[in-house]
Amino acid sequence: MIKSKRTYDAIGDDDGYRILIDRLWPRGLSTEKAHIDLWMKDIAPSTELRKWYNHDTTRWHEFKTKYIEELTHNKHLVKQIHDIEKEYKTVTLLYSAKDTEHANIKVLMEILRKEE
């Protein structure tokens, strides 16, 4: 099972293997409190795409299309998440965005479900 939650949410006993999927480390969160097993910076949107999008929801659909394109060039990272899921059974993808409806996690989860 692959699920997601914000990095600032409480750690759950059922989180399993915890993967940070942001390119930048979450503000104000120490490594000790984060309890992150793996930081997959490269699965996050590229720096150029992240800066272009700049949390502007009017660009959401275009951002989504561009991010999906980036993910198609990084299929090995999507496969890596599925491989970890096979080993640990539960994987929690962690992200920091406040706007959970317009965050890269939504796109990534969609791709992961398609690739199952």
Protein backbone atom coordinates (compact mmCIF):
# COMPACT_ATOMS: atom_id res chain seq x y z
CA MET A 1 0.00 0.00 0.00
CA ILE A 2 1.26 3.46 -0.92
CA LYS A 3 -0.18 6.43 0.92
CA SER A 4 0.74 10.05 1.44
CA LYS A 5 0.81 12.65 4.19
CA ARG A 6 2.38 15.97 4.96
CA THR A 7 5.79 15.89 6.59
CA TYR A 8 4.37 17.95 9.45
CA ASP A 9 1.65 15.38 10.29
CA ALA A 10 2.15 13.06 13.24
CA ILE A 11 4.12 9.92 12.57
CA GLY A 12 1.88 6.87 12.57
CA ASP A 13 2.68 3.32 13.59
CA ASP A 14 1.22 2.29 10.24
CA ASP A 15 3.43 4.59 8.11
CA GLY A 16 5.79 1.82 7.11
CA TYR A 17 8.72 3.01 5.00
CA ARG A 18 8.74 6.83 4.86
CA ILE A 19 9.94 8.58 1.69
CA LEU A 20 10.32 12.34 1.33
CA ILE A 21 9.41 13.26 -2.25
CA ASP A 22 10.27 16.98 -2.14
CA ARG A 23 13.37 18.49 -3.71
CA LEU A 24 13.82 20.85 -0.76
CA TRP A 25 14.01 19.85 2.90
CA PRO A 26 10.85 20.88 4.85
CA ARG A 27 11.21 24.15 6.71
CA GLY A 28 11.62 23.92 10.46
CA LEU A 29 11.75 20.12 10.54
CA SER A 30 14.82 18.44 12.00
CA THR A 31 16.08 15.18 10.62
CA GLU A 32 15.43 13.55 14.00
CA LYS A 33 11.76 14.55 14.04
CA ALA A 34 11.18 13.72 10.37
CA HIS A 35 11.82 9.97 10.66
CA ILE A 36 12.52 9.72 6.94
CA ASP A 37 13.91 6.47 5.57
CA LEU A 38 14.70 7.81 2.09
CA TRP A 39 14.82 11.25 0.49
CA MET A 40 13.97 10.95 -3.22
CA LYS A 41 14.82 14.45 -4.43
CA ASP A 42 14.92 13.41 -8.07
CA ILE A 43 11.30 12.26 -8.17
CA ALA A 44 10.17 15.78 -7.28
CA PRO A 45 9.49 18.33 -10.02
CA SER A 46 12.67 19.82 -11.44
CA THR A 47 13.87 23.08 -9.95
CA GLU A 48 12.90 24.87 -13.17
CA LEU A 49 9.37 23.46 -13.12
CA ARG A 50 8.93 24.12 -9.40
CA LYS A 51 10.01 27.75 -9.79
CA TRP A 52 7.83 28.24 -12.88
CA TYR A 53 4.76 26.82 -11.13
CA ASN A 54 5.40 28.79 -7.91
CA HIS A 55 2.15 27.44 -6.36
CA ASP A 56 0.11 29.42 -8.92
CA THR A 57 -3.05 27.31 -9.18
CA THR A 58 -3.94 28.92 -12.51
CA ARG A 59 -0.97 26.95 -13.89
CA TRP A 60 -2.01 23.66 -12.26
CA HIS A 61 -3.10 21.80 -15.40
CA GLU A 62 0.01 22.82 -17.32
CA PHE A 63 2.19 21.99 -14.31
CA LYS A 64 0.57 18.56 -14.07
CA THR A 65 1.24 17.85 -17.76
CA LYS A 66 4.88 18.95 -17.47
CA TYR A 67 5.45 16.98 -14.29
CA ILE A 68 3.98 13.82 -15.83
CA GLU A 69 6.41 14.31 -18.71
CA GLU A 70 9.30 14.56 -16.24
CA LEU A 71 8.12 11.39 -14.50
CA THR A 72 8.06 9.48 -17.78
CA HIS A 73 11.79 10.19 -18.03
CA ASN A 74 12.28 8.92 -14.47
CA LYS A 75 10.37 5.64 -14.60
CA HIS A 76 13.15 3.95 -12.63
CA LEU A 77 12.23 6.12 -9.63
CA VAL A 78 8.56 5.18 -9.88
CA LYS A 79 9.66 1.53 -10.07
CA GLN A 80 11.88 2.05 -7.03
CA ILE A 81 8.85 3.11 -4.97
CA HIS A 82 6.94 0.01 -6.08
CA ASP A 83 9.95 -2.17 -5.25
CA ILE A 84 10.10 -0.66 -1.76
CA GLU A 85 6.38 -1.29 -1.39
CA LYS A 86 6.90 -4.97 -2.24
CA GLU A 87 9.56 -5.24 0.45
CA TYR A 88 7.95 -3.16 3.23
CA LYS A 89 4.24 -3.57 2.31
CA THR A 90 3.43 0.01 3.36
CA VAL A 91 5.07 3.14 1.99
CA THR A 92 4.20 6.67 3.06
CA LEU A 93 5.19 9.44 0.66
CA LEU A 94 5.88 12.68 2.50
CA TYR A 95 5.48 16.16 1.08
CA SER A 96 5.46 19.67 2.55
CA ALA A 97 3.02 21.64 0.39
CA LYS A 98 0.26 23.46 2.26
CA ASP A 99 -2.13 23.25 -0.69
CA THR A 100 -2.72 19.52 -0.79
CA GLU A 101 -5.03 19.71 -3.82
CA HIS A 102 -2.46 21.36 -6.08
CA ALA A 103 0.70 19.59 -4.97
CA ASN A 104 3.02 17.30 -6.89
CA ILE A 105 1.98 14.43 -4.59
CA LYS A 106 -1.40 14.30 -6.37
CA VAL A 107 0.30 13.79 -9.73
CA LEU A 108 2.80 11.28 -8.37
CA MET A 109 0.08 9.20 -6.67
CA GLU A 110 -1.88 9.15 -9.92
CA ILE A 111 1.16 7.84 -11.81
CA LEU A 112 1.92 5.25 -9.11
CA ARG A 113 -1.65 3.90 -9.30
CA LYS A 114 -1.39 3.61 -13.09
CA GLU A 115 1.93 1.79 -12.85
CA GLU A 116 0.68 -0.86 -10.38
